[in-house]
C-alpha atoms as a PDB file:
ATOM      1  CA  MET A   1     -10.563 222.390  94.306  1.00  0.00           C
ATOM      2  CA  THR A   2      -6.978 222.748  93.151  1.00  0.00           C
ATOM      3  CA  ARG A   3      -5.229 219.532  91.994  1.00  0.00           C
ATOM      4  CA  HIS A   4      -1.522 219.235  92.887  1.00  0.00           C
ATOM      5  CA  TYR A   5       0.832 217.004  90.813  1.00  0.00           C
ATOM      6  CA  PRO A   6       4.077 215.596  92.053  1.00  0.00           C
ATOM      7  CA  SER A   7       7.135 217.557  90.928  1.00  0.00           C
ATOM      8  CA  TRP A   8       8.750 214.564  89.251  1.00  0.00           C
ATOM      9  CA  LEU A   9       5.718 214.090  87.033  1.00  0.00           C
ATOM     10  CA  VAL A  10       5.809 217.734  85.936  1.00  0.00           C
ATOM     11  CA  ALA A  11       9.538 217.511  85.173  1.00  0.00           C
ATOM     12  CA  SER A  12       9.026 214.376  83.072  1.00  0.00           C
ATOM     13  CA  ALA A  13       6.316 215.995  81.028  1.00  0.00           C
ATOM     14  CA  LEU A  14       8.439 219.069  80.296  1.00  0.00           C
ATOM     15  CA  PHE A  15      11.431 216.959  79.303  1.00  0.00           C
ATOM     16  CA  GLY A  16       9.313 214.899  76.878  1.00  0.00           C
ATOM     17  CA  PHE A  17       7.886 218.025  75.281  1.00  0.00           C
ATOM     18  CA  VAL A  18      11.338 219.569  74.756  1.00  0.00           C
ATOM     19  CA  GLY A  19      12.660 216.283  73.264  1.00  0.00           C
ATOM     20  CA  CYS A  20       9.839 216.083  70.752  1.00  0.00           C
ATOM     21  CA  ALA A  21      10.430 219.688  69.702  1.00  0.00           C
ATOM     22  CA  LEU A  22      14.096 218.962  69.104  1.00  0.00           C
ATOM     23  CA  VAL A  23      13.346 215.909  66.952  1.00  0.00           C
ATOM     24  CA  VAL A  24      10.896 217.787  64.817  1.00  0.00           C
ATOM     25  CA  GLY A  25      13.250 220.742  64.500  1.00  0.00           C
ATOM     26  CA  ASP A  26      16.103 218.516  63.301  1.00  0.00           C
ATOM     27  CA  LEU A  27      14.231 217.630  60.124  1.00  0.00           C
ATOM     28  CA  PRO A  28      15.508 219.665  57.073  1.00  0.00           C
ATOM     29  CA  GLU A  29      13.077 222.164  55.634  1.00  0.00           C
ATOM     30  CA  GLY A  30      11.042 221.011  52.656  1.00  0.00           C
ATOM     31  CA  ARG A  31      12.213 217.444  52.999  1.00  0.00           C
ATOM     32  CA  ASP A  32       8.819 215.885  52.847  1.00  0.00           C
ATOM     33  CA  PRO A  33       9.004 212.151  52.136  1.00  0.00           C
ATOM     34  CA  ASN A  34       5.768 212.282  50.222  1.00  0.00           C
ATOM     35  CA  ALA A  35       6.952 215.261  48.199  1.00  0.00           C
ATOM     36  CA  ALA A  36      10.194 213.456  47.339  1.00  0.00           C
ATOM     37  CA  SER A  37       8.329 210.370  46.286  1.00  0.00           C
ATOM     38  CA  GLY A  38       5.966 212.440  44.216  1.00  0.00           C
ATOM     39  CA  GLY A  39       8.882 214.177  42.525  1.00  0.00           C
ATOM     40  CA  ALA A  40      10.441 210.864  41.590  1.00  0.00           C
ATOM     41  CA  SER A  41       7.157 209.660  40.243  1.00  0.00           C
ATOM     42  CA  GLY A  42       6.773 212.866  38.302  1.00  0.00           C
ATOM     43  CA  SER A  43      10.217 212.473  36.778  1.00  0.00           C
ATOM     44  CA  GLY A  44       9.418 208.917  35.811  1.00  0.00           C
ATOM     45  CA  ALA A  45       6.151 209.971  34.250  1.00  0.00           C
ATOM     46  CA  ALA A  46       7.858 212.761  32.409  1.00  0.00           C
ATOM     47  CA  SER A  47      10.476 210.361  31.086  1.00  0.00           C
ATOM     48  CA  ALA A  48       7.839 207.886  30.052  1.00  0.00           C
ATOM     49  CA  GLY A  49       5.912 210.695  28.387  1.00  0.00           C
ATOM     50  CA  GLY A  50       9.042 211.786  26.568  1.00  0.00           C
ATOM     51  CA  GLY A  51       9.627 208.252  25.339  1.00  0.00           C
ATOM     52  CA  GLY A  52       6.043 208.010  24.254  1.00  0.00           C
ATOM     53  CA  GLY A  53       6.428 211.216  22.298  1.00  0.00           C
ATOM     54  CA  ALA A  54       9.507 209.862  20.534  1.00  0.00           C
ATOM     55  CA  ASP A  55       7.721 206.632  19.698  1.00  0.00           C
ATOM     56  CA  GLY A  56       4.711 208.573  18.464  1.00  0.00           C
ATOM     57  CA  SER A  57       6.895 210.684  16.214  1.00  0.00           C
ATOM     58  CA  ALA A  58       8.600 207.593  14.849  1.00  0.00           C
ATOM     59  CA  GLY A  59       5.239 205.964  14.282  1.00  0.00           C
ATOM     60  CA  ALA A  60       3.930 209.006  12.416  1.00  0.00           C
ATOM     61  CA  ALA A  61       7.055 209.086  10.285  1.00  0.00           C
ATOM     62  CA  GLY A  62       6.666 205.386   9.551  1.00  0.00           C
ATOM     63  CA  ALA A  63       3.038 205.887   8.565  1.00  0.00           C
ATOM     64  CA  ASP A  64       4.022 208.741   6.269  1.00  0.00           C
ATOM     65  CA  ALA A  65       6.824 206.671   4.759  1.00  0.00           C
ATOM     66  CA  SER A  66       4.489 203.731   4.224  1.00  0.00           C
ATOM     67  CA  ALA A  67       1.869 205.936   2.601  1.00  0.00           C
ATOM     68  CA  SER A  68       4.477 207.533   0.394  1.00  0.00           C
ATOM     69  CA  GLY A  69       5.973 204.182  -0.531  1.00  0.00           C
ATOM     70  CA  GLY A  70       2.537 202.794  -1.297  1.00  0.00           C
ATOM     71  CA  ALA A  71       1.718 205.673  -3.574  1.00  0.00           C
ATOM     72  CA  GLY A  72       5.046 205.210  -5.327  1.00  0.00           C
ATOM     73  CA  GLY A  73       4.265 201.538  -5.899  1.00  0.00           C
ATOM     74  CA  VAL A  74       0.935 202.353  -7.566  1.00  0.00           C
ATOM     75  CA  SER A  75       2.577 204.934  -9.801  1.00  0.00           C
ATOM     76  CA  ALA A  76       5.289 202.458 -10.821  1.00  0.00           C
ATOM     77  CA  ASP A  77       2.668 199.829 -11.742  1.00  0.00           C
ATOM     78  CA  SER A  78       0.694 202.326 -13.805  1.00  0.00           C
ATOM     79  CA  GLY A  79       3.722 203.570 -15.663  1.00  0.00           C
ATOM     80  CA  ALA A  80       5.004 200.053 -16.447  1.00  0.00           C
ATOM     81  CA  GLY A  81       2.045 198.585 -18.301  1.00  0.00           C
ATOM     82  CA  GLY A  82       1.657 198.188 -22.086  1.00  0.00           C
ATOM     83  CA  SER A  83       3.780 199.042 -25.086  1.00  0.00           C
ATOM     84  CA  SER A  84       3.559 202.775 -24.374  1.00  0.00           C
ATOM     85  CA  ALA A  85       6.325 202.539 -21.751  1.00  0.00           C
ATOM     86  CA  ASP A  86       9.298 204.797 -22.287  1.00  0.00           C
ATOM     87  CA  ALA A  87      12.516 203.580 -23.839  1.00  0.00           C
ATOM     88  CA  ALA A  88      15.800 203.792 -21.943  1.00  0.00           C
ATOM     89  CA  ASP A  89      16.628 207.184 -23.475  1.00  0.00           C
ATOM     90  CA  GLY A  90      13.199 208.606 -22.595  1.00  0.00           C
ATOM     91  CA  ALA A  91      11.660 208.127 -26.062  1.00  0.00           C
ATOM     92  CA  CYS A  92       8.255 206.450 -26.424  1.00  0.00           C
ATOM     93  CA  CYS A  93       8.155 202.807 -27.506  1.00  0.00           C
ATOM     94  CA  ASP A  94       4.848 202.885 -29.424  1.00  0.00           C
ATOM     95  CA  CYS A  95       4.720 206.497 -30.505  1.00  0.00           C
ATOM     96  CA  ASP A  96       1.910 206.094 -33.052  1.00  0.00           C
ATOM     97  CA  GLY A  97      -0.303 203.974 -30.771  1.00  0.00           C
ATOM     98  CA  ASP A  98      -0.799 201.122 -33.242  1.00  0.00           C
ATOM     99  CA  GLY A  99      -0.006 198.464 -30.628  1.00  0.00           C
ATOM    100  CA  GLU A 100       3.492 197.621 -31.832  1.00  0.00           C
ATOM    101  CA  ASN A 101       6.808 198.999 -30.572  1.00  0.00           C
ATOM    102  CA  GLY A 102       9.229 200.728 -32.863  1.00  0.00           C
ATOM    103  CA  PRO A 103      12.922 199.905 -33.355  1.00  0.00           C
ATOM    104  CA  GLN A 104      13.863 202.255 -30.478  1.00  0.00           C
ATOM    105  CA  CYS A 105      12.438 199.547 -28.178  1.00  0.00           C
ATOM    106  CA  GLU A 106      13.502 196.567 -30.319  1.00  0.00           C
ATOM    107  CA  GLY A 107      10.046 196.387 -31.933  1.00  0.00           C
ATOM    108  CA  LYS A 108       9.081 195.480 -35.518  1.00  0.00           C
ATOM    109  CA  ASP A 109       7.181 198.655 -36.412  1.00  0.00           C
ATOM    110  CA  CYS A 110       9.233 200.087 -39.287  1.00  0.00           C
ATOM    111  CA  ASP A 111       7.441 203.481 -39.149  1.00  0.00           C
ATOM    112  CA  ASP A 112       6.487 204.359 -35.583  1.00  0.00           C
ATOM    113  CA  ALA A 113       5.033 207.698 -36.709  1.00  0.00           C
ATOM    114  CA  ASP A 114       2.318 206.104 -38.896  1.00  0.00           C
ATOM    115  CA  PRO A 115      -0.400 204.052 -37.137  1.00  0.00           C
ATOM    116  CA  ASN A 116      -1.170 202.213 -40.395  1.00  0.00           C
ATOM    117  CA  VAL A 117       2.328 200.775 -40.637  1.00  0.00           C
ATOM    118  CA  PHE A 118       3.207 197.749 -38.474  1.00  0.00           C
ATOM    119  CA  SER A 119       4.386 194.206 -39.057  1.00  0.00           C
ATOM    120  CA  THR A 120       0.984 192.484 -38.725  1.00  0.00           C
ATOM    121  CA  GLN A 121      -0.938 194.860 -40.995  1.00  0.00           C
ATOM    122  CA  LYS A 122      -3.542 192.992 -43.091  1.00  0.00           C
ATOM    123  CA  LYS A 123      -5.168 195.893 -44.928  1.00  0.00           C
ATOM    124  CA  TYR A 124      -4.222 197.194 -48.371  1.00  0.00           C
ATOM    125  CA  PHE A 125      -3.804 200.879 -49.246  1.00  0.00           C
ATOM    126  CA  THR A 126      -4.111 202.856 -52.469  1.00  0.00           C
ATOM    127  CA  THR A 127      -1.715 205.609 -51.339  1.00  0.00           C
ATOM    128  CA  PRO A 128       1.857 205.173 -50.092  1.00  0.00           C
ATOM    129  CA  SER A 129       3.020 205.847 -46.556  1.00  0.00           C
ATOM    130  CA  LYS A 130       5.388 208.734 -45.935  1.00  0.00           C
ATOM    131  CA  THR A 131       8.492 206.657 -45.246  1.00  0.00           C
ATOM    132  CA  GLN A 132       7.857 203.065 -46.358  1.00  0.00           C
ATOM    133  CA  GLY A 133       6.012 203.507 -49.644  1.00  0.00           C
ATOM    134  CA  TYR A 134       3.481 200.682 -49.953  1.00  0.00           C
ATOM    135  CA  ASP A 135       5.296 198.414 -47.530  1.00  0.00           C
ATOM    136  CA  TYR A 136       2.667 198.745 -44.803  1.00  0.00           C
ATOM    137  CA  ASP A 137       3.475 195.394 -43.180  1.00  0.00           C
ATOM    138  CA  CYS A 138       7.218 196.029 -42.828  1.00  0.00           C
ATOM    139  CA  ASN A 139       8.296 192.883 -44.710  1.00  0.00           C
ATOM    140  CA  GLN A 140      10.470 194.830 -47.182  1.00  0.00           C
ATOM    141  CA  SER A 141       8.368 193.771 -50.165  1.00  0.00           C
ATOM    142  CA  ILE A 142       5.256 195.081 -51.930  1.00  0.00           C
ATOM    143  CA  GLU A 143       2.196 192.858 -52.187  1.00  0.00           C
ATOM    144  CA  PRO A 144      -0.661 193.965 -54.527  1.00  0.00           C
ATOM    145  CA  GLU A 145      -4.209 193.205 -53.465  1.00  0.00           C
ATOM    146  CA  HIS A 146      -5.449 191.939 -56.840  1.00  0.00           C
ATOM    147  CA  GLY A 147      -3.878 190.023 -59.691  1.00  0.00           C
ATOM    148  CA  GLN A 148      -5.221 189.224 -63.150  1.00  0.00           C
ATOM    149  CA  VAL A 149      -8.309 187.152 -63.699  1.00  0.00           C
ATOM    150  CA  GLY A 150      -7.804 183.992 -65.724  1.00  0.00           C
ATOM    151  CA  CYS A 151     -10.479 183.876 -68.399  1.00  0.00           C
ATOM    152  CA  THR A 152      -9.774 180.456 -69.919  1.00  0.00           C
ATOM    153  CA  LEU A 153     -12.084 177.496 -70.292  1.00  0.00           C
ATOM    154  CA  GLY A 154     -10.535 175.744 -67.337  1.00  0.00           C
ATOM    155  CA  LEU A 155     -10.584 178.832 -65.094  1.00  0.00           C
ATOM    156  CA  CYS A 156     -13.797 180.539 -66.159  1.00  0.00           C
ATOM    157  CA  ASN A 157     -15.355 181.271 -62.791  1.00  0.00           C
ATOM    158  CA  PRO A 158     -17.664 184.300 -62.479  1.00  0.00           C
ATOM    159  CA  ASN A 159     -16.963 184.452 -58.738  1.00  0.00           C
ATOM    160  CA  ASN A 160     -13.287 185.181 -59.279  1.00  0.00           C
ATOM    161  CA  LYS A 161     -12.839 188.941 -59.509  1.00  0.00           C
ATOM    162  CA  ALA A 162      -9.601 190.650 -60.482  1.00  0.00           C
ATOM    163  CA  PHE A 163      -8.084 192.945 -63.079  1.00  0.00           C
ATOM    164  CA  LEU A 164      -9.039 191.849 -66.545  1.00  0.00           C
ATOM    165  CA  ASN A 165      -5.642 192.672 -67.992  1.00  0.00           C
ATOM    166  CA  THR A 166      -2.126 193.087 -66.578  1.00  0.00           C
ATOM    167  CA  PRO A 167      -2.597 194.417 -63.041  1.00  0.00           C
ATOM    168  CA  PRO A 168      -1.684 198.097 -62.711  1.00  0.00           C
ATOM    169  CA  PRO A 169       1.011 199.254 -60.272  1.00  0.00           C
ATOM    170  CA  CYS A 170       0.087 200.271 -56.771  1.00  0.00           C
ATOM    171  CA  GLY A 171      -2.085 203.389 -56.718  1.00  0.00           C
ATOM    172  CA  GLN A 172      -3.062 203.196 -60.374  1.00  0.00           C
ATOM    173  CA  THR A 173      -6.353 202.076 -61.938  1.00  0.00           C
ATOM    174  CA  GLY A 174      -7.329 199.357 -64.395  1.00  0.00           C
ATOM    175  CA  ASP A 175     -10.292 197.400 -65.701  1.00  0.00           C
ATOM    176  CA  PHE A 176     -11.655 195.257 -62.954  1.00  0.00           C
ATOM    177  CA  GLY A 177     -14.227 192.496 -63.320  1.00  0.00           C
ATOM    178  CA  HIS A 178     -14.792 188.801 -63.770  1.00  0.00           C
ATOM    179  CA  CYS A 179     -15.096 186.121 -66.415  1.00  0.00           C
ATOM    180  CA  THR A 180     -18.279 184.493 -67.608  1.00  0.00           C
ATOM    181  CA  PHE A 181     -18.835 181.370 -69.680  1.00  0.00           C
ATOM    182  CA  LEU A 182     -20.761 182.078 -72.882  1.00  0.00           C
ATOM    183  CA  SER A 183     -21.430 179.205 -75.290  1.00  0.00           C
ATOM    184  CA  VAL A 184     -18.063 177.606 -75.740  1.00  0.00           C
ATOM    185  CA  THR A 185     -15.954 180.623 -74.747  1.00  0.00           C
ATOM    186  CA  CYS A 186     -14.958 182.408 -71.501  1.00  0.00           C
ATOM    187  CA  ASN A 187     -15.430 186.135 -71.801  1.00  0.00           C
ATOM    188  CA  LYS A 188     -14.216 189.074 -69.690  1.00  0.00           C
ATOM    189  CA  VAL A 189     -16.858 191.207 -68.030  1.00  0.00           C
ATOM    190  CA  LYS A 190     -15.775 194.643 -66.767  1.00  0.00           C
ATOM    191  CA  GLU A 191     -17.399 195.848 -63.594  1.00  0.00           C
ATOM    192  CA  GLU A 192     -15.453 199.022 -62.780  1.00  0.00           C
ATOM    193  CA  ASN A 193     -12.232 200.946 -62.949  1.00  0.00           C
ATOM    194  CA  LYS A 194     -10.427 199.999 -59.792  1.00  0.00           C
ATOM    195  CA  THR A 195      -7.324 201.380 -58.116  1.00  0.00           C
ATOM    196  CA  GLN A 196      -4.728 198.826 -57.211  1.00  0.00           C
ATOM    197  CA  ALA A 197      -4.119 198.686 -53.444  1.00  0.00           C
ATOM    198  CA  CYS A 198      -0.956 197.276 -51.922  1.00  0.00           C
ATOM    199  CA  ARG A 199       0.769 196.583 -48.620  1.00  0.00           C
END
């Protein structure tokens, strides 16, 4: 059975179809709202990514700078300690390593090339230094290690040992011994030939 529709209904349907086609056709090509939104989001993400990259680079540079600065600090501390630090002109302060600075660093070591010569030296030596003679303690005077024993009744002590006669000069030998009390006299007792040491 064939169904017949009124002519006005058919005309209305055709008009609505044509109107919808025109509306859809008016839209510009490629102008997809979702695509536009996505593009904006993509640009924003790209910008954010670019900023992140810049921050990352700056952070890496900062880390490198900190590491470098830290290493420099350690080196400075190591170089600064002790009397072996360099003088202002690049010379060493304690060149002979005896624990006392030389005059180039306002120290009291009068011969900074000889480790036996420094102002607090307590030892005596039987040979002279190369530059200061027997002045090993830098006091500008010579001090012999031993004097002359006093063999008199009032000073007759066998525990006192020294040169029996006038003490020899530094580096030379003489009779060395002590005194002993015998009967009513104090006699000299030689023990050895000894070299006079000085400082």
